[in-house]
Amino acid sequence: MGQRVAVASSDGVNIDLHFARASSFYIYDINEDGFEYIENRKQRAANKHDEDGFAGTLKLIEDCRSIIVGQIGMGALSFVNKKGFRVFEAPYSVSEVLKKFVEKNILKEG
């Protein structure tokens, strides 16, 4: 079974956005066979480092269980994890990171 993933990227090529300042999340479905681009979800970059700002971002990507970002602060990481999301810092190419996730079965539950 696959999983929906949100990738914080300004251009869909590189994972280059900080979670609290992300204005764009590229959404992918990922499973053991590969990954498929679904859509780009945009928001006004909140640049808020508080729970209200974090909650607004999570609302945008609430159907995703994992988030891949360029960076995330410790406060945001704690909040997001408590809400049931898995977070990965991977400031690299979107396609290379997603390929590694498939190859290594990183998102496997359990």
N, C-alpha and C. Protein backbone atom coordinates (compact mmCIF):
# COMPACT_ATOMS: atom_id res chain seq x y z
N MET A 1 0.85 -1.19 0.00
CA MET A 1 0.00 0.00 0.00
C MET A 1 0.88 1.24 0.00
N GLY A 2 0.47 2.24 -0.74
CA GLY A 2 1.25 3.46 -0.87
C GLY A 2 0.95 4.49 0.19
N GLN A 3 1.65 5.57 0.06
CA GLN A 3 1.51 6.66 1.01
C GLN A 3 1.64 8.00 0.28
N ARG A 4 0.91 8.97 0.72
CA ARG A 4 0.99 10.31 0.15
C ARG A 4 2.04 11.12 0.91
N VAL A 5 2.87 11.84 0.15
CA VAL A 5 3.99 12.58 0.70
C VAL A 5 3.94 14.02 0.22
N ALA A 6 4.25 14.96 1.12
CA ALA A 6 4.35 16.38 0.77
C ALA A 6 5.83 16.75 0.72
N VAL A 7 6.24 17.40 -0.37
CA VAL A 7 7.63 17.79 -0.55
C VAL A 7 7.71 19.32 -0.62
N ALA A 8 8.47 19.92 0.29
CA ALA A 8 8.61 21.38 0.34
C ALA A 8 9.62 21.83 -0.70
N SER A 9 9.11 22.36 -1.81
CA SER A 9 9.98 22.75 -2.93
C SER A 9 9.45 24.01 -3.59
N SER A 10 10.36 24.89 -3.96
CA SER A 10 9.97 26.11 -4.66
C SER A 10 9.78 25.89 -6.15
N ASP A 11 10.39 24.82 -6.69
CA ASP A 11 10.39 24.61 -8.13
C ASP A 11 10.03 23.20 -8.58
N GLY A 12 9.78 22.30 -7.65
CA GLY A 12 9.48 20.92 -8.00
C GLY A 12 10.69 20.10 -8.39
N VAL A 13 11.85 20.72 -8.38
CA VAL A 13 13.09 20.05 -8.76
C VAL A 13 13.95 19.76 -7.53
N ASN A 14 14.07 20.75 -6.66
CA ASN A 14 14.90 20.63 -5.46
C ASN A 14 14.07 20.79 -4.20
N ILE A 15 14.45 20.07 -3.16
CA ILE A 15 13.81 20.21 -1.85
C ILE A 15 14.56 21.33 -1.15
N ASP A 16 14.02 22.53 -1.25
CA ASP A 16 14.79 23.72 -0.86
C ASP A 16 14.06 24.66 0.10
N LEU A 17 12.94 24.24 0.64
CA LEU A 17 12.18 25.13 1.51
C LEU A 17 12.19 24.67 2.96
N HIS A 18 12.26 25.64 3.84
CA HIS A 18 12.15 25.44 5.29
C HIS A 18 10.67 25.25 5.60
N PHE A 19 10.34 24.29 6.44
CA PHE A 19 8.93 23.99 6.73
C PHE A 19 8.12 25.22 7.10
N ALA A 20 8.61 26.03 8.04
CA ALA A 20 7.84 27.18 8.54
C ALA A 20 7.68 28.29 7.50
N ARG A 21 8.50 28.29 6.45
CA ARG A 21 8.42 29.32 5.42
C ARG A 21 7.96 28.77 4.07
N ALA A 22 7.56 27.53 4.04
CA ALA A 22 7.20 26.90 2.76
C ALA A 22 5.93 27.49 2.18
N SER A 23 6.02 27.91 0.94
CA SER A 23 4.86 28.44 0.23
C SER A 23 4.31 27.43 -0.77
N SER A 24 5.01 26.32 -0.93
CA SER A 24 4.64 25.35 -1.95
C SER A 24 5.01 23.93 -1.51
N PHE A 25 4.06 23.03 -1.64
CA PHE A 25 4.31 21.61 -1.38
C PHE A 25 3.89 20.81 -2.61
N TYR A 26 4.81 20.04 -3.14
CA TYR A 26 4.53 19.13 -4.24
C TYR A 26 4.09 17.81 -3.62
N ILE A 27 2.94 17.32 -4.06
CA ILE A 27 2.34 16.13 -3.47
C ILE A 27 2.59 14.93 -4.39
N TYR A 28 3.05 13.85 -3.77
CA TYR A 28 3.34 12.61 -4.50
C TYR A 28 2.69 11.43 -3.79
N ASP A 29 2.28 10.45 -4.57
CA ASP A 29 1.93 9.14 -4.03
C ASP A 29 3.16 8.27 -4.25
N ILE A 30 3.57 7.55 -3.21
CA ILE A 30 4.77 6.74 -3.29
C ILE A 30 4.46 5.34 -2.76
N ASN A 31 4.97 4.34 -3.47
CA ASN A 31 4.81 2.95 -3.03
C ASN A 31 6.04 2.15 -3.46
N GLU A 32 6.00 0.85 -3.26
CA GLU A 32 7.17 0.02 -3.55
C GLU A 32 7.53 -0.01 -5.03
N ASP A 33 6.62 0.39 -5.91
CA ASP A 33 6.88 0.38 -7.35
C ASP A 33 7.39 1.70 -7.89
N GLY A 34 7.26 2.77 -7.12
CA GLY A 34 7.70 4.07 -7.61
C GLY A 34 6.90 5.20 -6.98
N PHE A 35 6.91 6.33 -7.67
CA PHE A 35 6.18 7.49 -7.16
C PHE A 35 5.50 8.21 -8.31
N GLU A 36 4.40 8.89 -7.97
CA GLU A 36 3.61 9.61 -8.97
C GLU A 36 3.28 11.00 -8.45
N TYR A 37 3.57 12.01 -9.27
CA TYR A 37 3.23 13.39 -8.93
C TYR A 37 1.71 13.55 -8.97
N ILE A 38 1.15 14.21 -7.96
CA ILE A 38 -0.29 14.44 -7.89
C ILE A 38 -0.61 15.90 -8.18
N GLU A 39 -0.03 16.83 -7.41
CA GLU A 39 -0.33 18.24 -7.60
C GLU A 39 0.62 19.11 -6.78
N ASN A 40 0.58 20.40 -7.07
CA ASN A 40 1.33 21.39 -6.29
C ASN A 40 0.32 22.19 -5.47
N ARG A 41 0.52 22.22 -4.16
CA ARG A 41 -0.36 22.98 -3.28
C ARG A 41 0.39 24.20 -2.78
N LYS A 42 -0.23 25.35 -2.96
CA LYS A 42 0.42 26.60 -2.57
C LYS A 42 -0.31 27.25 -1.42
N GLN A 43 0.46 28.00 -0.66
CA GLN A 43 -0.09 28.80 0.43
C GLN A 43 0.75 30.06 0.53
N ARG A 44 0.18 31.05 1.15
CA ARG A 44 0.99 32.23 1.46
C ARG A 44 1.98 31.79 2.52
N ALA A 45 3.25 32.01 2.26
CA ALA A 45 4.28 31.59 3.22
C ALA A 45 4.03 32.30 4.54
N ALA A 46 3.66 31.53 5.54
CA ALA A 46 3.30 32.11 6.83
C ALA A 46 4.49 32.72 7.54
N ASN A 47 5.65 32.10 7.41
CA ASN A 47 6.85 32.53 8.13
C ASN A 47 6.55 32.70 9.61
N LYS A 48 5.65 31.86 10.10
CA LYS A 48 5.29 31.87 11.52
C LYS A 48 5.96 30.69 12.18
N HIS A 49 6.60 30.96 13.26
CA HIS A 49 7.25 29.90 14.01
C HIS A 49 6.47 29.63 15.30
N ASP A 50 5.16 29.42 15.12
CA ASP A 50 4.31 29.10 16.26
C ASP A 50 3.31 28.03 15.84
N GLU A 51 2.60 27.50 16.80
CA GLU A 51 1.71 26.39 16.52
C GLU A 51 0.57 26.74 15.57
N ASP A 52 0.09 27.99 15.58
CA ASP A 52 -0.97 28.39 14.65
C ASP A 52 -0.46 28.32 13.21
N GLY A 53 0.75 28.81 12.99
CA GLY A 53 1.35 28.76 11.66
C GLY A 53 1.57 27.32 11.20
N PHE A 54 2.10 26.50 12.10
CA PHE A 54 2.34 25.10 11.77
C PHE A 54 1.03 24.38 11.46
N ALA A 55 -0.01 24.65 12.26
CA ALA A 55 -1.31 24.00 12.07
C ALA A 55 -1.91 24.35 10.71
N GLY A 56 -1.75 25.60 10.28
CA GLY A 56 -2.25 26.01 8.98
C GLY A 56 -1.58 25.25 7.85
N THR A 57 -0.29 25.06 7.96
CA THR A 57 0.44 24.30 6.95
C THR A 57 -0.01 22.84 6.95
N LEU A 58 -0.18 22.26 8.12
CA LEU A 58 -0.61 20.86 8.20
C LEU A 58 -2.01 20.68 7.62
N LYS A 59 -2.86 21.67 7.75
CA LYS A 59 -4.21 21.61 7.16
C LYS A 59 -4.11 21.47 5.64
N LEU A 60 -3.16 22.19 5.04
CA LEU A 60 -2.96 22.16 3.59
C LEU A 60 -2.57 20.76 3.10
N ILE A 61 -1.82 20.05 3.92
CA ILE A 61 -1.28 18.75 3.51
C ILE A 61 -1.79 17.61 4.39
N GLU A 62 -2.99 17.77 4.93
CA GLU A 62 -3.51 16.83 5.92
C GLU A 62 -3.69 15.40 5.40
N ASP A 63 -3.77 15.20 4.10
CA ASP A 63 -3.91 13.85 3.55
C ASP A 63 -2.56 13.15 3.37
N CYS A 64 -1.48 13.84 3.69
CA CYS A 64 -0.14 13.27 3.61
C CYS A 64 0.27 12.76 4.99
N ARG A 65 1.04 11.70 5.04
CA ARG A 65 1.52 11.19 6.33
C ARG A 65 2.98 11.53 6.55
N SER A 66 3.68 11.87 5.48
CA SER A 66 5.10 12.21 5.58
C SER A 66 5.36 13.52 4.85
N ILE A 67 6.36 14.25 5.37
CA ILE A 67 6.74 15.54 4.81
C ILE A 67 8.25 15.52 4.62
N ILE A 68 8.68 15.94 3.43
CA ILE A 68 10.11 16.03 3.15
C ILE A 68 10.43 17.50 2.95
N VAL A 69 11.37 18.01 3.75
CA VAL A 69 11.70 19.44 3.75
C VAL A 69 13.20 19.65 3.60
N GLY A 70 13.56 20.90 3.25
CA GLY A 70 14.96 21.27 3.24
C GLY A 70 15.48 21.44 4.65
N GLN A 71 14.65 22.06 5.49
CA GLN A 71 14.99 22.28 6.90
C GLN A 71 13.70 22.37 7.71
N ILE A 72 13.84 22.10 9.01
CA ILE A 72 12.74 22.28 9.94
C ILE A 72 13.33 22.54 11.32
N GLY A 73 12.75 23.49 12.04
CA GLY A 73 13.21 23.79 13.39
C GLY A 73 12.71 22.75 14.38
N MET A 74 13.34 22.73 15.54
CA MET A 74 13.00 21.73 16.56
C MET A 74 11.57 21.89 17.08
N GLY A 75 11.11 23.13 17.26
CA GLY A 75 9.74 23.35 17.73
C GLY A 75 8.72 22.84 16.73
N ALA A 76 8.94 23.15 15.45
CA ALA A 76 8.04 22.67 14.41
C ALA A 76 8.08 21.16 14.30
N LEU A 77 9.27 20.59 14.37
CA LEU A 77 9.41 19.14 14.28
C LEU A 77 8.63 18.44 15.39
N SER A 78 8.76 18.93 16.59
CA SER A 78 8.04 18.35 17.73
C SER A 78 6.53 18.44 17.51
N PHE A 79 6.04 19.61 17.09
CA PHE A 79 4.61 19.82 16.86
C PHE A 79 4.09 18.88 15.77
N VAL A 80 4.80 18.83 14.66
CA VAL A 80 4.37 18.03 13.51
C VAL A 80 4.37 16.54 13.86
N ASN A 81 5.41 16.09 14.56
CA ASN A 81 5.46 14.68 14.98
C ASN A 81 4.30 14.33 15.91
N LYS A 82 3.97 15.23 16.83
CA LYS A 82 2.86 14.98 17.76
C LYS A 82 1.52 14.88 17.03
N LYS A 83 1.43 15.51 15.86
CA LYS A 83 0.21 15.46 15.06
C LYS A 83 0.17 14.21 14.17
N GLY A 84 1.19 13.37 14.27
CA GLY A 84 1.18 12.10 13.54
C GLY A 84 1.89 12.09 12.20
N PHE A 85 2.59 13.16 11.86
CA PHE A 85 3.32 13.22 10.60
C PHE A 85 4.77 12.79 10.82
N ARG A 86 5.34 12.15 9.82
CA ARG A 86 6.77 11.85 9.82
C ARG A 86 7.45 12.93 8.99
N VAL A 87 8.60 13.39 9.46
CA VAL A 87 9.32 14.46 8.77
C VAL A 87 10.73 13.99 8.44
N PHE A 88 11.15 14.33 7.22
CA PHE A 88 12.50 14.01 6.77
C PHE A 88 13.15 15.28 6.24
N GLU A 89 14.34 15.59 6.72
CA GLU A 89 15.14 16.68 6.16
C GLU A 89 16.02 16.09 5.07
N ALA A 90 15.83 16.57 3.86
CA ALA A 90 16.59 16.04 2.73
C ALA A 90 16.74 17.13 1.68
N PRO A 91 17.67 18.07 1.88
CA PRO A 91 17.82 19.20 0.96
C PRO A 91 18.55 18.82 -0.33
N TYR A 92 17.91 17.97 -1.12
CA TYR A 92 18.52 17.46 -2.34
C TYR A 92 17.49 17.49 -3.47
N SER A 93 17.77 16.83 -4.55
CA SER A 93 16.86 16.73 -5.69
C SER A 93 15.62 15.92 -5.31
N VAL A 94 14.45 16.41 -5.70
CA VAL A 94 13.19 15.71 -5.41
C VAL A 94 13.23 14.29 -5.97
N SER A 95 13.58 14.15 -7.24
CA SER A 95 13.55 12.82 -7.85
C SER A 95 14.54 11.87 -7.21
N GLU A 96 15.73 12.35 -6.87
CA GLU A 96 16.71 11.47 -6.23
C GLU A 96 16.25 11.01 -4.85
N VAL A 97 15.68 11.92 -4.09
CA VAL A 97 15.20 11.57 -2.75
C VAL A 97 14.04 10.57 -2.84
N LEU A 98 13.08 10.84 -3.72
CA LEU A 98 11.95 9.92 -3.84
C LEU A 98 12.39 8.54 -4.34
N LYS A 99 13.36 8.50 -5.26
CA LYS A 99 13.90 7.21 -5.72
C LYS A 99 14.52 6.45 -4.55
N LYS A 100 15.26 7.14 -3.70
CA LYS A 100 15.87 6.49 -2.53
C LYS A 100 14.80 5.97 -1.57
N PHE A 101 13.74 6.75 -1.40
CA PHE A 101 12.65 6.32 -0.52
C PHE A 101 12.03 5.02 -1.04
N VAL A 102 11.88 4.91 -2.37
CA VAL A 102 11.32 3.70 -2.97
C VAL A 102 12.32 2.54 -2.81
N GLU A 103 13.58 2.77 -3.20
CA GLU A 103 14.60 1.71 -3.14
C GLU A 103 14.79 1.15 -1.74
N LYS A 104 14.81 2.03 -0.76
CA LYS A 104 15.09 1.63 0.63
C LYS A 104 13.82 1.34 1.42
N ASN A 105 12.66 1.51 0.77
CA ASN A 105 11.36 1.27 1.41
C ASN A 105 11.24 2.06 2.72
N ILE A 106 11.66 3.31 2.67
CA ILE A 106 11.75 4.16 3.86
C ILE A 106 10.40 4.42 4.51
N LEU A 107 9.36 4.52 3.72
CA LEU A 107 8.05 4.87 4.28
C LEU A 107 7.25 3.67 4.78
N LYS A 108 7.85 2.50 4.73
CA LYS A 108 7.14 1.31 5.20
C LYS A 108 6.72 1.48 6.65
N GLU A 109 5.46 1.24 6.91
CA GLU A 109 4.92 1.34 8.27
C GLU A 109 5.27 0.07 9.04
N GLY A 110 5.41 0.23 10.35
CA GLY A 110 5.57 -0.94 11.17
C GLY A 110 6.96 -1.16 11.59
